[in-house]
PDB file of N, CA and C in Angstrom:
ATOM      1  N   MET A   1      11.487 -17.866  37.820  1.00  0.00           N
ATOM      2  CA  MET A   1      10.348 -17.893  36.912  1.00  0.00           C
ATOM      3  C   MET A   1       9.334 -16.845  37.386  1.00  0.00           C
ATOM      4  N   ASP A   2       8.821 -16.067  36.429  1.00  0.00           N
ATOM      5  CA  ASP A   2       7.857 -15.040  36.810  1.00  0.00           C
ATOM      6  C   ASP A   2       6.535 -15.683  37.229  1.00  0.00           C
ATOM      7  N   PRO A   3       5.766 -14.978  38.078  1.00  0.00           N
ATOM      8  CA  PRO A   3       4.531 -15.568  38.615  1.00  0.00           C
ATOM      9  C   PRO A   3       3.486 -15.880  37.545  1.00  0.00           C
ATOM     10  N   TYR A   4       3.461 -15.150  36.436  1.00  0.00           N
ATOM     11  CA  TYR A   4       2.481 -15.410  35.382  1.00  0.00           C
ATOM     12  C   TYR A   4       2.794 -16.721  34.682  1.00  0.00           C
ATOM     13  N   ARG A   5       4.062 -16.924  34.374  1.00  0.00           N
ATOM     14  CA  ARG A   5       4.466 -18.187  33.738  1.00  0.00           C
ATOM     15  C   ARG A   5       4.212 -19.354  34.686  1.00  0.00           C
ATOM     16  N   GLN A   6       4.466 -19.137  35.970  1.00  0.00           N
ATOM     17  CA  GLN A   6       4.205 -20.168  36.971  1.00  0.00           C
ATOM     18  C   GLN A   6       2.724 -20.540  37.009  1.00  0.00           C
ATOM     19  N   LYS A   7       1.863 -19.527  36.938  1.00  0.00           N
ATOM     20  CA  LYS A   7       0.415 -19.750  36.949  1.00  0.00           C
ATOM     21  C   LYS A   7      -0.003 -20.601  35.749  1.00  0.00           C
ATOM     22  N   ILE A   8       0.505 -20.271  34.567  1.00  0.00           N
ATOM     23  CA  ILE A   8       0.174 -21.018  33.356  1.00  0.00           C
ATOM     24  C   ILE A   8       0.659 -22.461  33.472  1.00  0.00           C
ATOM     25  N   LEU A   9       1.882 -22.651  33.935  1.00  0.00           N
ATOM     26  CA  LEU A   9       2.420 -24.005  34.073  1.00  0.00           C
ATOM     27  C   LEU A   9       1.664 -24.805  35.128  1.00  0.00           C
ATOM     28  N   ASP A  10       1.249 -24.151  36.213  1.00  0.00           N
ATOM     29  CA  ASP A  10       0.482 -24.844  37.245  1.00  0.00           C
ATOM     30  C   ASP A  10      -0.853 -25.339  36.687  1.00  0.00           C
ATOM     31  N   HIS A  11      -1.560 -24.496  35.943  1.00  0.00           N
ATOM     32  CA  HIS A  11      -2.848 -24.895  35.363  1.00  0.00           C
ATOM     33  C   HIS A  11      -2.665 -25.915  34.239  1.00  0.00           C
ATOM     34  N   TYR A  12      -1.508 -25.916  33.596  1.00  0.00           N
ATOM     35  CA  TYR A  12      -1.226 -26.918  32.574  1.00  0.00           C
ATOM     36  C   TYR A  12      -0.950 -28.278  33.218  1.00  0.00           C
ATOM     37  N   ARG A  13      -0.135 -28.265  34.256  1.00  0.00           N
ATOM     38  CA  ARG A  13       0.233 -29.523  34.920  1.00  0.00           C
ATOM     39  C   ARG A  13      -0.879 -30.078  35.808  1.00  0.00           C
ATOM     40  N   HIS A  14      -1.674 -29.178  36.383  1.00  0.00           N
ATOM     41  CA  HIS A  14      -2.760 -29.561  37.298  1.00  0.00           C
ATOM     42  C   HIS A  14      -4.040 -28.819  36.909  1.00  0.00           C
ATOM     43  N   PRO A  15      -4.587 -29.133  35.746  1.00  0.00           N
ATOM     44  CA  PRO A  15      -5.769 -28.393  35.295  1.00  0.00           C
ATOM     45  C   PRO A  15      -6.955 -28.590  36.240  1.00  0.00           C
ATOM     46  N   ARG A  16      -7.636 -27.505  36.511  1.00  0.00           N
ATOM     47  CA  ARG A  16      -8.839 -27.544  37.339  1.00  0.00           C
ATOM     48  C   ARG A  16     -10.028 -27.905  36.465  1.00  0.00           C
ATOM     49  N   ASN A  17     -10.973 -28.613  37.043  1.00  0.00           N
ATOM     50  CA  ASN A  17     -12.214 -28.982  36.350  1.00  0.00           C
ATOM     51  C   ASN A  17     -11.961 -29.810  35.090  1.00  0.00           C
ATOM     52  N   PHE A  18     -10.913 -30.600  35.090  1.00  0.00           N
ATOM     53  CA  PHE A  18     -10.599 -31.440  33.948  1.00  0.00           C
ATOM     54  C   PHE A  18     -11.285 -32.789  34.116  1.00  0.00           C
ATOM     55  N   GLY A  19     -11.961 -33.232  33.080  1.00  0.00           N
ATOM     56  CA  GLY A  19     -12.617 -34.534  33.104  1.00  0.00           C
ATOM     57  C   GLY A  19     -13.954 -34.480  32.392  1.00  0.00           C
ATOM     58  N   ARG A  20     -14.559 -35.627  32.255  1.00  0.00           N
ATOM     59  CA  ARG A  20     -15.855 -35.738  31.588  1.00  0.00           C
ATOM     60  C   ARG A  20     -16.975 -35.355  32.546  1.00  0.00           C
ATOM     61  N   LEU A  21     -17.989 -34.738  32.019  1.00  0.00           N
ATOM     62  CA  LEU A  21     -19.185 -34.407  32.776  1.00  0.00           C
ATOM     63  C   LEU A  21     -20.329 -35.164  32.106  1.00  0.00           C
ATOM     64  N   ALA A  22     -20.609 -36.346  32.621  1.00  0.00           N
ATOM     65  CA  ALA A  22     -21.575 -37.249  31.988  1.00  0.00           C
ATOM     66  C   ALA A  22     -22.962 -36.639  31.882  1.00  0.00           C
ATOM     67  N   GLU A  23     -23.405 -35.943  32.904  1.00  0.00           N
ATOM     68  CA  GLU A  23     -24.766 -35.413  32.903  1.00  0.00           C
ATOM     69  C   GLU A  23     -24.833 -33.954  32.440  1.00  0.00           C
ATOM     70  N   ALA A  24     -23.956 -33.579  31.530  1.00  0.00           N
ATOM     71  CA  ALA A  24     -23.936 -32.206  31.010  1.00  0.00           C
ATOM     72  C   ALA A  24     -25.207 -31.906  30.223  1.00  0.00           C
ATOM     73  N   SER A  25     -25.711 -30.714  30.399  1.00  0.00           N
ATOM     74  CA  SER A  25     -26.854 -30.279  29.602  1.00  0.00           C
ATOM     75  C   SER A  25     -26.392 -29.606  28.311  1.00  0.00           C
ATOM     76  N   HIS A  26     -25.133 -29.159  28.274  1.00  0.00           N
ATOM     77  CA  HIS A  26     -24.578 -28.481  27.109  1.00  0.00           C
ATOM     78  C   HIS A  26     -23.124 -28.916  26.929  1.00  0.00           C
ATOM     79  N   ARG A  27     -22.752 -29.101  25.682  1.00  0.00           N
ATOM     80  CA  ARG A  27     -21.410 -29.609  25.385  1.00  0.00           C
ATOM     81  C   ARG A  27     -21.011 -29.154  23.987  1.00  0.00           C
ATOM     82  N   ALA A  28     -19.739 -28.816  23.825  1.00  0.00           N
ATOM     83  CA  ALA A  28     -19.220 -28.505  22.492  1.00  0.00           C
ATOM     84  C   ALA A  28     -17.722 -28.775  22.476  1.00  0.00           C
ATOM     85  N   ALA A  29     -17.248 -29.223  21.333  1.00  0.00           N
ATOM     86  CA  ALA A  29     -15.829 -29.512  21.148  1.00  0.00           C
ATOM     87  C   ALA A  29     -15.312 -28.731  19.948  1.00  0.00           C
ATOM     88  N   VAL A  30     -14.093 -28.243  20.078  1.00  0.00           N
ATOM     89  CA  VAL A  30     -13.441 -27.520  18.988  1.00  0.00           C
ATOM     90  C   VAL A  30     -11.995 -27.990  18.891  1.00  0.00           C
ATOM     91  N   SER A  31     -11.418 -27.751  17.734  1.00  0.00           N
ATOM     92  CA  SER A  31     -10.004 -28.070  17.555  1.00  0.00           C
ATOM     93  C   SER A  31      -9.340 -26.960  16.749  1.00  0.00           C
ATOM     94  N   ASN A  32      -8.050 -26.872  16.913  1.00  0.00           N
ATOM     95  CA  ASN A  32      -7.255 -25.907  16.170  1.00  0.00           C
ATOM     96  C   ASN A  32      -6.508 -26.699  15.096  1.00  0.00           C
ATOM     97  N   PRO A  33      -6.917 -26.593  13.830  1.00  0.00           N
ATOM     98  CA  PRO A  33      -6.294 -27.402  12.786  1.00  0.00           C
ATOM     99  C   PRO A  33      -4.818 -27.066  12.555  1.00  0.00           C
ATOM    100  N   ILE A  34      -4.402 -25.894  12.966  1.00  0.00           N
ATOM    101  CA  ILE A  34      -3.012 -25.478  12.761  1.00  0.00           C
ATOM    102  C   ILE A  34      -2.066 -26.239  13.687  1.00  0.00           C
ATOM    103  N   CYS A  35      -2.460 -26.359  14.969  1.00  0.00           N
ATOM    104  CA  CYS A  35      -1.558 -27.002  15.945  1.00  0.00           C
ATOM    105  C   CYS A  35      -2.053 -28.360  16.428  1.00  0.00           C
ATOM    106  N   GLY A  36      -3.320 -28.663  16.183  1.00  0.00           N
ATOM    107  CA  GLY A  36      -3.870 -29.948  16.595  1.00  0.00           C
ATOM    108  C   GLY A  36      -4.462 -29.976  17.993  1.00  0.00           C
ATOM    109  N   ASP A  37      -4.441 -28.851  18.719  1.00  0.00           N
ATOM    110  CA  ASP A  37      -5.048 -28.806  20.050  1.00  0.00           C
ATOM    111  C   ASP A  37      -6.550 -29.062  19.946  1.00  0.00           C
ATOM    112  N   GLU A  38      -7.099 -29.739  20.961  1.00  0.00           N
ATOM    113  CA  GLU A  38      -8.532 -30.034  21.017  1.00  0.00           C
ATOM    114  C   GLU A  38      -9.050 -29.748  22.420  1.00  0.00           C
ATOM    115  N   VAL A  39     -10.233 -29.152  22.499  1.00  0.00           N
ATOM    116  CA  VAL A  39     -10.860 -28.863  23.788  1.00  0.00           C
ATOM    117  C   VAL A  39     -12.360 -29.130  23.673  1.00  0.00           C
ATOM    118  N   GLU A  40     -12.901 -29.778  24.692  1.00  0.00           N
ATOM    119  CA  GLU A  40     -14.343 -29.937  24.821  1.00  0.00           C
ATOM    120  C   GLU A  40     -14.753 -29.313  26.147  1.00  0.00           C
ATOM    121  N   ILE A  41     -15.747 -28.447  26.089  1.00  0.00           N
ATOM    122  CA  ILE A  41     -16.324 -27.834  27.283  1.00  0.00           C
ATOM    123  C   ILE A  41     -17.705 -28.443  27.481  1.00  0.00           C
ATOM    124  N   ALA A  42     -18.005 -28.820  28.703  1.00  0.00           N
ATOM    125  CA  ALA A  42     -19.328 -29.357  29.033  1.00  0.00           C
ATOM    126  C   ALA A  42     -19.784 -28.709  30.326  1.00  0.00           C
ATOM    127  N   PHE A  43     -21.043 -28.346  30.369  1.00  0.00           N
ATOM    128  CA  PHE A  43     -21.561 -27.781  31.608  1.00  0.00           C
ATOM    129  C   PHE A  43     -23.004 -28.185  31.829  1.00  0.00           C
ATOM    130  N   LYS A  44     -23.401 -28.060  33.068  1.00  0.00           N
ATOM    131  CA  LYS A  44     -24.761 -28.400  33.499  1.00  0.00           C
ATOM    132  C   LYS A  44     -25.405 -27.104  33.997  1.00  0.00           C
ATOM    133  N   VAL A  45     -26.578 -26.809  33.470  1.00  0.00           N
ATOM    134  CA  VAL A  45     -27.303 -25.595  33.830  1.00  0.00           C
ATOM    135  C   VAL A  45     -28.433 -25.940  34.781  1.00  0.00           C
ATOM    136  N   LEU A  46     -28.491 -25.227  35.882  1.00  0.00           N
ATOM    137  CA  LEU A  46     -29.593 -25.336  36.833  1.00  0.00           C
ATOM    138  C   LEU A  46     -30.029 -23.930  37.220  1.00  0.00           C
ATOM    139  N   HIS A  47     -31.301 -23.644  37.029  1.00  0.00           N
ATOM    140  CA  HIS A  47     -31.874 -22.352  37.407  1.00  0.00           C
ATOM    141  C   HIS A  47     -31.103 -21.178  36.798  1.00  0.00           C
ATOM    142  N   GLY A  48     -30.718 -21.315  35.527  1.00  0.00           N
ATOM    143  CA  GLY A  48     -30.060 -20.228  34.825  1.00  0.00           C
ATOM    144  C   GLY A  48     -28.596 -20.024  35.167  1.00  0.00           C
ATOM    145  N   ARG A  49     -28.006 -20.942  35.916  1.00  0.00           N
ATOM    146  CA  ARG A  49     -26.600 -20.835  36.312  1.00  0.00           C
ATOM    147  C   ARG A  49     -25.815 -22.054  35.839  1.00  0.00           C
ATOM    148  N   ILE A  50     -24.528 -21.844  35.651  1.00  0.00           N
ATOM    149  CA  ILE A  50     -23.640 -22.962  35.347  1.00  0.00           C
ATOM    150  C   ILE A  50     -23.332 -23.646  36.673  1.00  0.00           C
ATOM    151  N   ALA A  51     -24.026 -24.743  36.915  1.00  0.00           N
ATOM    152  CA  ALA A  51     -23.905 -25.449  38.185  1.00  0.00           C
ATOM    153  C   ALA A  51     -22.606 -26.246  38.263  1.00  0.00           C
ATOM    154  N   GLU A  52     -22.187 -26.775  37.121  1.00  0.00           N
ATOM    155  CA  GLU A  52     -20.941 -27.532  37.060  1.00  0.00           C
ATOM    156  C   GLU A  52     -20.388 -27.395  35.648  1.00  0.00           C
ATOM    157  N   ILE A  53     -19.068 -27.245  35.555  1.00  0.00           N
ATOM    158  CA  ILE A  53     -18.423 -27.097  34.252  1.00  0.00           C
ATOM    159  C   ILE A  53     -17.111 -27.858  34.266  1.00  0.00           C
ATOM    160  N   LYS A  54     -16.840 -28.553  33.173  1.00  0.00           N
ATOM    161  CA  LYS A  54     -15.596 -29.314  33.033  1.00  0.00           C
ATOM    162  C   LYS A  54     -15.100 -29.206  31.596  1.00  0.00           C
ATOM    163  N   PHE A  55     -13.835 -29.566  31.433  1.00  0.00           N
ATOM    164  CA  PHE A  55     -13.286 -29.625  30.084  1.00  0.00           C
ATOM    165  C   PHE A  55     -12.391 -30.845  29.945  1.00  0.00           C
ATOM    166  N   THR A  56     -12.255 -31.289  28.722  1.00  0.00           N
ATOM    167  CA  THR A  56     -11.323 -32.353  28.372  1.00  0.00           C
ATOM    168  C   THR A  56     -10.593 -31.914  27.119  1.00  0.00           C
ATOM    169  N   GLY A  57      -9.596 -32.650  26.761  1.00  0.00           N
ATOM    170  CA  GLY A  57      -8.877 -32.363  25.532  1.00  0.00           C
ATOM    171  C   GLY A  57      -7.388 -32.551  25.712  1.00  0.00           C
ATOM    172  N   ARG A  58      -6.698 -32.177  24.666  1.00  0.00           N
ATOM    173  CA  ARG A  58      -5.244 -32.236  24.705  1.00  0.00           C
ATOM    174  C   ARG A  58      -4.714 -31.042  23.941  1.00  0.00           C
ATOM    175  N   GLY A  59      -3.626 -30.505  24.458  1.00  0.00           N
ATOM    176  CA  GLY A  59      -3.061 -29.349  23.785  1.00  0.00           C
ATOM    177  C   GLY A  59      -1.869 -28.796  24.513  1.00  0.00           C
ATOM    178  N   CYS A  60      -1.457 -27.653  24.076  1.00  0.00           N
ATOM    179  CA  CYS A  60      -0.288 -26.985  24.630  1.00  0.00           C
ATOM    180  C   CYS A  60      -0.606 -26.389  26.003  1.00  0.00           C
ATOM    181  N   ALA A  61       0.416 -25.871  26.643  1.00  0.00           N
ATOM    182  CA  ALA A  61       0.255 -25.276  27.974  1.00  0.00           C
ATOM    183  C   ALA A  61      -0.744 -24.124  27.946  1.00  0.00           C
ATOM    184  N   ILE A  62      -0.709 -23.311  26.917  1.00  0.00           N
ATOM    185  CA  ILE A  62      -1.600 -22.144  26.836  1.00  0.00           C
ATOM    186  C   ILE A  62      -3.059 -22.583  26.717  1.00  0.00           C
ATOM    187  N   SER A  63      -3.376 -23.490  25.812  1.00  0.00           N
ATOM    188  CA  SER A  63      -4.782 -23.883  25.638  1.00  0.00           C
ATOM    189  C   SER A  63      -5.308 -24.621  26.861  1.00  0.00           C
ATOM    190  N   THR A  64      -4.502 -25.460  27.474  1.00  0.00           N
ATOM    191  CA  THR A  64      -4.938 -26.183  28.671  1.00  0.00           C
ATOM    192  C   THR A  64      -5.124 -25.236  29.846  1.00  0.00           C
ATOM    193  N   ALA A  65      -4.151 -24.367  30.077  1.00  0.00           N
ATOM    194  CA  ALA A  65      -4.248 -23.417  31.188  1.00  0.00           C
ATOM    195  C   ALA A  65      -5.424 -22.464  30.988  1.00  0.00           C
ATOM    196  N   ALA A  66      -5.619 -21.985  29.775  1.00  0.00           N
ATOM    197  CA  ALA A  66      -6.723 -21.054  29.506  1.00  0.00           C
ATOM    198  C   ALA A  66      -8.072 -21.733  29.739  1.00  0.00           C
ATOM    199  N   SER A  67      -8.202 -22.996  29.348  1.00  0.00           N
ATOM    200  CA  SER A  67      -9.458 -23.723  29.566  1.00  0.00           C
ATOM    201  C   SER A  67      -9.693 -23.973  31.049  1.00  0.00           C
ATOM    202  N   SER A  68      -8.645 -24.294  31.768  1.00  0.00           N
ATOM    203  CA  SER A  68      -8.735 -24.501  33.212  1.00  0.00           C
ATOM    204  C   SER A  68      -9.182 -23.218  33.917  1.00  0.00           C
ATOM    205  N   LEU A  69      -8.541 -22.113  33.579  1.00  0.00           N
ATOM    206  CA  LEU A  69      -8.889 -20.825  34.187  1.00  0.00           C
ATOM    207  C   LEU A  69     -10.299 -20.386  33.806  1.00  0.00           C
ATOM    208  N   LEU A  70     -10.701 -20.661  32.578  1.00  0.00           N
ATOM    209  CA  LEU A  70     -12.044 -20.312  32.120  1.00  0.00           C
ATOM    210  C   LEU A  70     -13.101 -21.051  32.926  1.00  0.00           C
ATOM    211  N   THR A  71     -12.892 -22.340  33.148  1.00  0.00           N
ATOM    212  CA  THR A  71     -13.882 -23.105  33.913  1.00  0.00           C
ATOM    213  C   THR A  71     -13.957 -22.611  35.351  1.00  0.00           C
ATOM    214  N   GLU A  72     -12.825 -22.226  35.917  1.00  0.00           N
ATOM    215  CA  GLU A  72     -12.845 -21.661  37.271  1.00  0.00           C
ATOM    216  C   GLU A  72     -13.638 -20.357  37.311  1.00  0.00           C
ATOM    217  N   ALA A  73     -13.435 -19.527  36.301  1.00  0.00           N
ATOM    218  CA  ALA A  73     -14.099 -18.218  36.260  1.00  0.00           C
ATOM    219  C   ALA A  73     -15.607 -18.332  36.066  1.00  0.00           C
ATOM    220  N   LEU A  74     -16.074 -19.386  35.403  1.00  0.00           N
ATOM    221  CA  LEU A  74     -17.488 -19.486  35.067  1.00  0.00           C
ATOM    222  C   LEU A  74     -18.307 -20.390  35.990  1.00  0.00           C
ATOM    223  N   GLN A  75     -17.651 -21.175  36.802  1.00  0.00           N
ATOM    224  CA  GLN A  75     -18.361 -22.056  37.738  1.00  0.00           C
ATOM    225  C   GLN A  75     -19.317 -21.233  38.606  1.00  0.00           C
ATOM    226  N   GLY A  76     -20.601 -21.579  38.577  1.00  0.00           N
ATOM    227  CA  GLY A  76     -21.601 -20.906  39.400  1.00  0.00           C
ATOM    228  C   GLY A  76     -22.156 -19.618  38.825  1.00  0.00           C
ATOM    229  N   ARG A  77     -21.640 -19.178  37.695  1.00  0.00           N
ATOM    230  CA  ARG A  77     -22.095 -17.914  37.095  1.00  0.00           C
ATOM    231  C   ARG A  77     -23.419 -18.084  36.363  1.00  0.00           C
ATOM    232  N   GLU A  78     -24.159 -16.997  36.246  1.00  0.00           N
ATOM    233  CA  GLU A  78     -25.389 -16.993  35.462  1.00  0.00           C
ATOM    234  C   GLU A  78     -25.044 -17.123  33.984  1.00  0.00           C
ATOM    235  N   LEU A  79     -25.929 -17.739  33.229  1.00  0.00           N
ATOM    236  CA  LEU A  79     -25.701 -17.888  31.792  1.00  0.00           C
ATOM    237  C   LEU A  79     -25.512 -16.540  31.110  1.00  0.00           C
ATOM    238  N   ARG A  80     -26.266 -15.541  31.528  1.00  0.00           N
ATOM    239  CA  ARG A  80     -26.125 -14.231  30.887  1.00  0.00           C
ATOM    240  C   ARG A  80     -24.733 -13.650  31.114  1.00  0.00           C
ATOM    241  N   THR A  81     -24.133 -13.915  32.257  1.00  0.00           N
ATOM    242  CA  THR A  81     -22.762 -13.475  32.512  1.00  0.00           C
ATOM    243  C   THR A  81     -21.802 -14.224  31.603  1.00  0.00           C
ATOM    244  N   ALA A  82     -21.993 -15.519  31.470  1.00  0.00           N
ATOM    245  CA  ALA A  82     -21.135 -16.322  30.596  1.00  0.00           C
ATOM    246  C   ALA A  82     -21.265 -15.868  29.142  1.00  0.00           C
ATOM    247  N   ARG A  83     -22.469 -15.501  28.724  1.00  0.00           N
ATOM    248  CA  ARG A  83     -22.671 -15.050  27.341  1.00  0.00           C
ATOM    249  C   ARG A  83     -21.957 -13.735  27.062  1.00  0.00           C
ATOM    250  N   ARG A  84     -21.779 -12.917  28.081  1.00  0.00           N
ATOM    251  CA  ARG A  84     -21.107 -11.626  27.902  1.00  0.00           C
ATOM    252  C   ARG A  84     -19.583 -11.746  27.965  1.00  0.00           C
ATOM    253  N   PHE A  85     -19.095 -12.895  28.368  1.00  0.00           N
ATOM    254  CA  PHE A  85     -17.654 -13.112  28.457  1.00  0.00           C
ATOM    255  C   PHE A  85     -17.036 -12.952  27.071  1.00  0.00           C
ATOM    256  N   THR A  86     -15.886 -12.295  26.987  1.00  0.00           N
ATOM    257  CA  THR A  86     -15.255 -11.999  25.697  1.00  0.00           C
ATOM    258  C   THR A  86     -13.939 -12.753  25.525  1.00  0.00           C
ATOM    259  N   PRO A  87     -13.462 -12.863  24.289  1.00  0.00           N
ATOM    260  CA  PRO A  87     -12.149 -13.482  24.079  1.00  0.00           C
ATOM    261  C   PRO A  87     -11.044 -12.736  24.837  1.00  0.00           C
ATOM    262  N   ARG A  88     -11.152 -11.441  24.871  1.00  0.00           N
ATOM    263  CA  ARG A  88     -10.142 -10.652  25.603  1.00  0.00           C
ATOM    264  C   ARG A  88     -10.112 -11.044  27.078  1.00  0.00           C
ATOM    265  N   GLU A  89     -11.287 -11.193  27.690  1.00  0.00           N
ATOM    266  CA  GLU A  89     -11.348 -11.604  29.095  1.00  0.00           C
ATOM    267  C   GLU A  89     -10.754 -12.996  29.286  1.00  0.00           C
ATOM    268  N   ALA A  90     -10.988 -13.875  28.322  1.00  0.00           N
ATOM    269  CA  ALA A  90     -10.430 -15.227  28.403  1.00  0.00           C
ATOM    270  C   ALA A  90      -8.909 -15.176  28.395  1.00  0.00           C
ATOM    271  N   ILE A  91      -8.353 -14.342  27.532  1.00  0.00           N
ATOM    272  CA  ILE A  91      -6.897 -14.189  27.467  1.00  0.00           C
ATOM    273  C   ILE A  91      -6.363 -13.543  28.737  1.00  0.00           C
ATOM    274  N   GLU A  92      -7.079 -12.559  29.258  1.00  0.00           N
ATOM    275  CA  GLU A  92      -6.639 -11.871  30.474  1.00  0.00           C
ATOM    276  C   GLU A  92      -6.578 -12.800  31.678  1.00  0.00           C
ATOM    277  N   LEU A  93      -7.367 -13.870  31.687  1.00  0.00           N
ATOM    278  CA  LEU A  93      -7.315 -14.832  32.790  1.00  0.00           C
ATOM    279  C   LEU A  93      -5.913 -15.425  32.941  1.00  0.00           C
ATOM    280  N   LEU A  94      -5.177 -15.515  31.837  1.00  0.00           N
ATOM    281  CA  LEU A  94      -3.828 -16.076  31.877  1.00  0.00           C
ATOM    282  C   LEU A  94      -2.863 -15.171  32.644  1.00  0.00           C
ATOM    283  N   GLY A  95      -3.148 -13.877  32.679  1.00  0.00           N
ATOM    284  CA  GLY A  95      -2.326 -12.952  33.441  1.00  0.00           C
ATOM    285  C   GLY A  95      -0.991 -12.624  32.806  1.00  0.00           C
ATOM    286  N   ALA A  96      -0.830 -12.924  31.540  1.00  0.00           N
ATOM    287  CA  ALA A  96       0.427 -12.647  30.842  1.00  0.00           C
ATOM    288  C   ALA A  96       0.120 -12.252  29.405  1.00  0.00           C
ATOM    289  N   PRO A  97       0.986 -11.460  28.814  1.00  0.00           N
ATOM    290  CA  PRO A  97       0.772 -11.120  27.407  1.00  0.00           C
ATOM    291  C   PRO A  97       0.889 -12.369  26.526  1.00  0.00           C
ATOM    292  N   ILE A  98      -0.022 -12.493  25.576  1.00  0.00           N
ATOM    293  CA  ILE A  98      -0.041 -13.628  24.664  1.00  0.00           C
ATOM    294  C   ILE A  98       0.172 -13.104  23.247  1.00  0.00           C
ATOM    295  N   SER A  99       1.114 -13.677  22.551  1.00  0.00           N
ATOM    296  CA  SER A  99       1.401 -13.232  21.189  1.00  0.00           C
ATOM    297  C   SER A  99       0.217 -13.547  20.282  1.00  0.00           C
ATOM    298  N   SER A 100       0.145 -12.846  19.176  1.00  0.00           N
ATOM    299  CA  SER A 100      -0.967 -13.072  18.247  1.00  0.00           C
ATOM    300  C   SER A 100      -0.953 -14.502  17.713  1.00  0.00           C
ATOM    301  N   ALA A 101       0.216 -15.102  17.590  1.00  0.00           N
ATOM    302  CA  ALA A 101       0.312 -16.483  17.121  1.00  0.00           C
ATOM    303  C   ALA A 101      -0.279 -17.476  18.118  1.00  0.00           C
ATOM    304  N   ARG A 102      -0.312 -17.124  19.393  1.00  0.00           N
ATOM    305  CA  ARG A 102      -0.804 -18.029  20.440  1.00  0.00           C
ATOM    306  C   ARG A 102      -2.229 -17.710  20.886  1.00  0.00           C
ATOM    307  N   ARG A 103      -2.834 -16.669  20.342  1.00  0.00           N
ATOM    308  CA  ARG A 103      -4.195 -16.305  20.746  1.00  0.00           C
ATOM    309  C   ARG A 103      -5.212 -17.376  20.383  1.00  0.00           C
ATOM    310  N   GLY A 104      -4.995 -18.072  19.296  1.00  0.00           N
ATOM    311  CA  GLY A 104      -5.888 -19.177  18.931  1.00  0.00           C
ATOM    312  C   GLY A 104      -5.875 -20.257  19.995  1.00  0.00           C
ATOM    313  N   CYS A 105      -4.698 -20.525  20.534  1.00  0.00           N
ATOM    314  CA  CYS A 105      -4.568 -21.513  21.618  1.00  0.00           C
ATOM    315  C   CYS A 105      -5.275 -21.005  22.876  1.00  0.00           C
ATOM    316  N   ALA A 106      -5.058 -19.727  23.189  1.00  0.00           N
ATOM    317  CA  ALA A 106      -5.633 -19.142  24.404  1.00  0.00           C
ATOM    318  C   ALA A 106      -7.154 -19.058  24.339  1.00  0.00           C
ATOM    319  N   CYS A 107      -7.718 -19.001  23.145  1.00  0.00           N
ATOM    320  CA  CYS A 107      -9.173 -18.851  22.990  1.00  0.00           C
ATOM    321  C   CYS A 107      -9.881 -20.138  22.586  1.00  0.00           C
ATOM    322  N   LEU A 108      -9.176 -21.246  22.561  1.00  0.00           N
ATOM    323  CA  LEU A 108      -9.794 -22.497  22.128  1.00  0.00           C
ATOM    324  C   LEU A 108     -10.932 -22.918  23.073  1.00  0.00           C
ATOM    325  N   GLY A 109     -10.687 -22.886  24.366  1.00  0.00           N
ATOM    326  CA  GLY A 109     -11.733 -23.194  25.337  1.00  0.00           C
ATOM    327  C   GLY A 109     -12.890 -22.215  25.244  1.00  0.00           C
ATOM    328  N   PHE A 110     -12.578 -20.949  25.017  1.00  0.00           N
ATOM    329  CA  PHE A 110     -13.607 -19.928  24.860  1.00  0.00           C
ATOM    330  C   PHE A 110     -14.484 -20.244  23.641  1.00  0.00           C
ATOM    331  N   SER A 111     -13.864 -20.690  22.549  1.00  0.00           N
ATOM    332  CA  SER A 111     -14.633 -21.044  21.351  1.00  0.00           C
ATOM    333  C   SER A 111     -15.590 -22.197  21.632  1.00  0.00           C
ATOM    334  N   ALA A 112     -15.119 -23.180  22.384  1.00  0.00           N
ATOM    335  CA  ALA A 112     -15.996 -24.297  22.758  1.00  0.00           C
ATOM    336  C   ALA A 112     -17.129 -23.800  23.652  1.00  0.00           C
ATOM    337  N   LEU A 113     -16.808 -22.907  24.571  1.00  0.00           N
ATOM    338  CA  LEU A 113     -17.833 -22.321  25.442  1.00  0.00           C
ATOM    339  C   LEU A 113     -18.898 -21.621  24.607  1.00  0.00           C
ATOM    340  N   ARG A 114     -18.482 -20.817  23.636  1.00  0.00           N
ATOM    341  CA  ARG A 114     -19.428 -20.089  22.781  1.00  0.00           C
ATOM    342  C   ARG A 114     -20.374 -21.056  22.062  1.00  0.00           C
ATOM    343  N   GLN A 115     -19.838 -22.139  21.548  1.00  0.00           N
ATOM    344  CA  GLN A 115     -20.683 -23.114  20.856  1.00  0.00           C
ATOM    345  C   GLN A 115     -21.653 -23.763  21.823  1.00  0.00           C
ATOM    346  N   ALA A 116     -21.178 -24.108  23.005  1.00  0.00           N
ATOM    347  CA  ALA A 116     -22.064 -24.727  24.005  1.00  0.00           C
ATOM    348  C   ALA A 116     -23.132 -23.735  24.460  1.00  0.00           C
ATOM    349  N   LEU A 117     -22.777 -22.464  24.594  1.00  0.00           N
ATOM    350  CA  LEU A 117     -23.752 -21.449  24.991  1.00  0.00           C
ATOM    351  C   LEU A 117     -24.828 -21.247  23.931  1.00  0.00           C
ATOM    352  N   ALA A 118     -24.464 -21.448  22.678  1.00  0.00           N
ATOM    353  CA  ALA A 118     -25.460 -21.339  21.605  1.00  0.00           C
ATOM    354  C   ALA A 118     -26.566 -22.371  21.816  1.00  0.00           C
ATOM    355  N   LEU A 119     -26.185 -23.520  22.349  1.00  0.00           N
ATOM    356  CA  LEU A 119     -27.180 -24.557  22.664  1.00  0.00           C
ATOM    357  C   LEU A 119     -28.042 -24.143  23.842  1.00  0.00           C
ATOM    358  N   ALA A 120     -27.514 -23.265  24.695  1.00  0.00           N
ATOM    359  CA  ALA A 120     -28.220 -22.834  25.893  1.00  0.00           C
ATOM    360  C   ALA A 120     -29.065 -21.593  25.645  1.00  0.00           C
ATOM    361  N   ALA A 121     -29.203 -21.176  24.397  1.00  0.00           N
ATOM    362  CA  ALA A 121     -29.913 -19.944  24.072  1.00  0.00           C
ATOM    363  C   ALA A 121     -31.331 -19.924  24.595  1.00  0.00           C
ATOM    364  N   SER A 122     -31.953 -21.064  24.703  1.00  0.00           N
ATOM    365  CA  SER A 122     -33.343 -21.092  25.167  1.00  0.00           C
ATOM    366  C   SER A 122     -33.446 -21.232  26.689  1.00  0.00           C
ATOM    367  N   ASP A 123     -32.331 -21.424  27.361  1.00  0.00           N
ATOM    368  CA  ASP A 123     -32.366 -21.575  28.835  1.00  0.00           C
ATOM    369  C   ASP A 123     -32.584 -20.255  29.527  1.00  0.00           C
TER     370      ASP A 123
END
């Protein structure tokens, strides 16, 4: 098995930062009506930084792994850095080429992040 596929399967089977964040200051949930995948991103902002970030949901290996990798990449980052994060960067975290049919899955966590960041616009 190639190392990229291994990375995706590892994050799918053992997602990082998975679980509820009760004291989140920002939260958003999205779903993909085509495949039924669902992701909720929640984070806590302290002093302009993402102090803690978690996700919940259910979905395919790509959406789960992408959300896991996204939370790892953004933990401790400044909000302005998170706001500049792009869908392309979210896909690149997977480390493997993603077909156009699977890009919706790969960007589901990113979409939830964008909605949650909209709530953080005044922070």
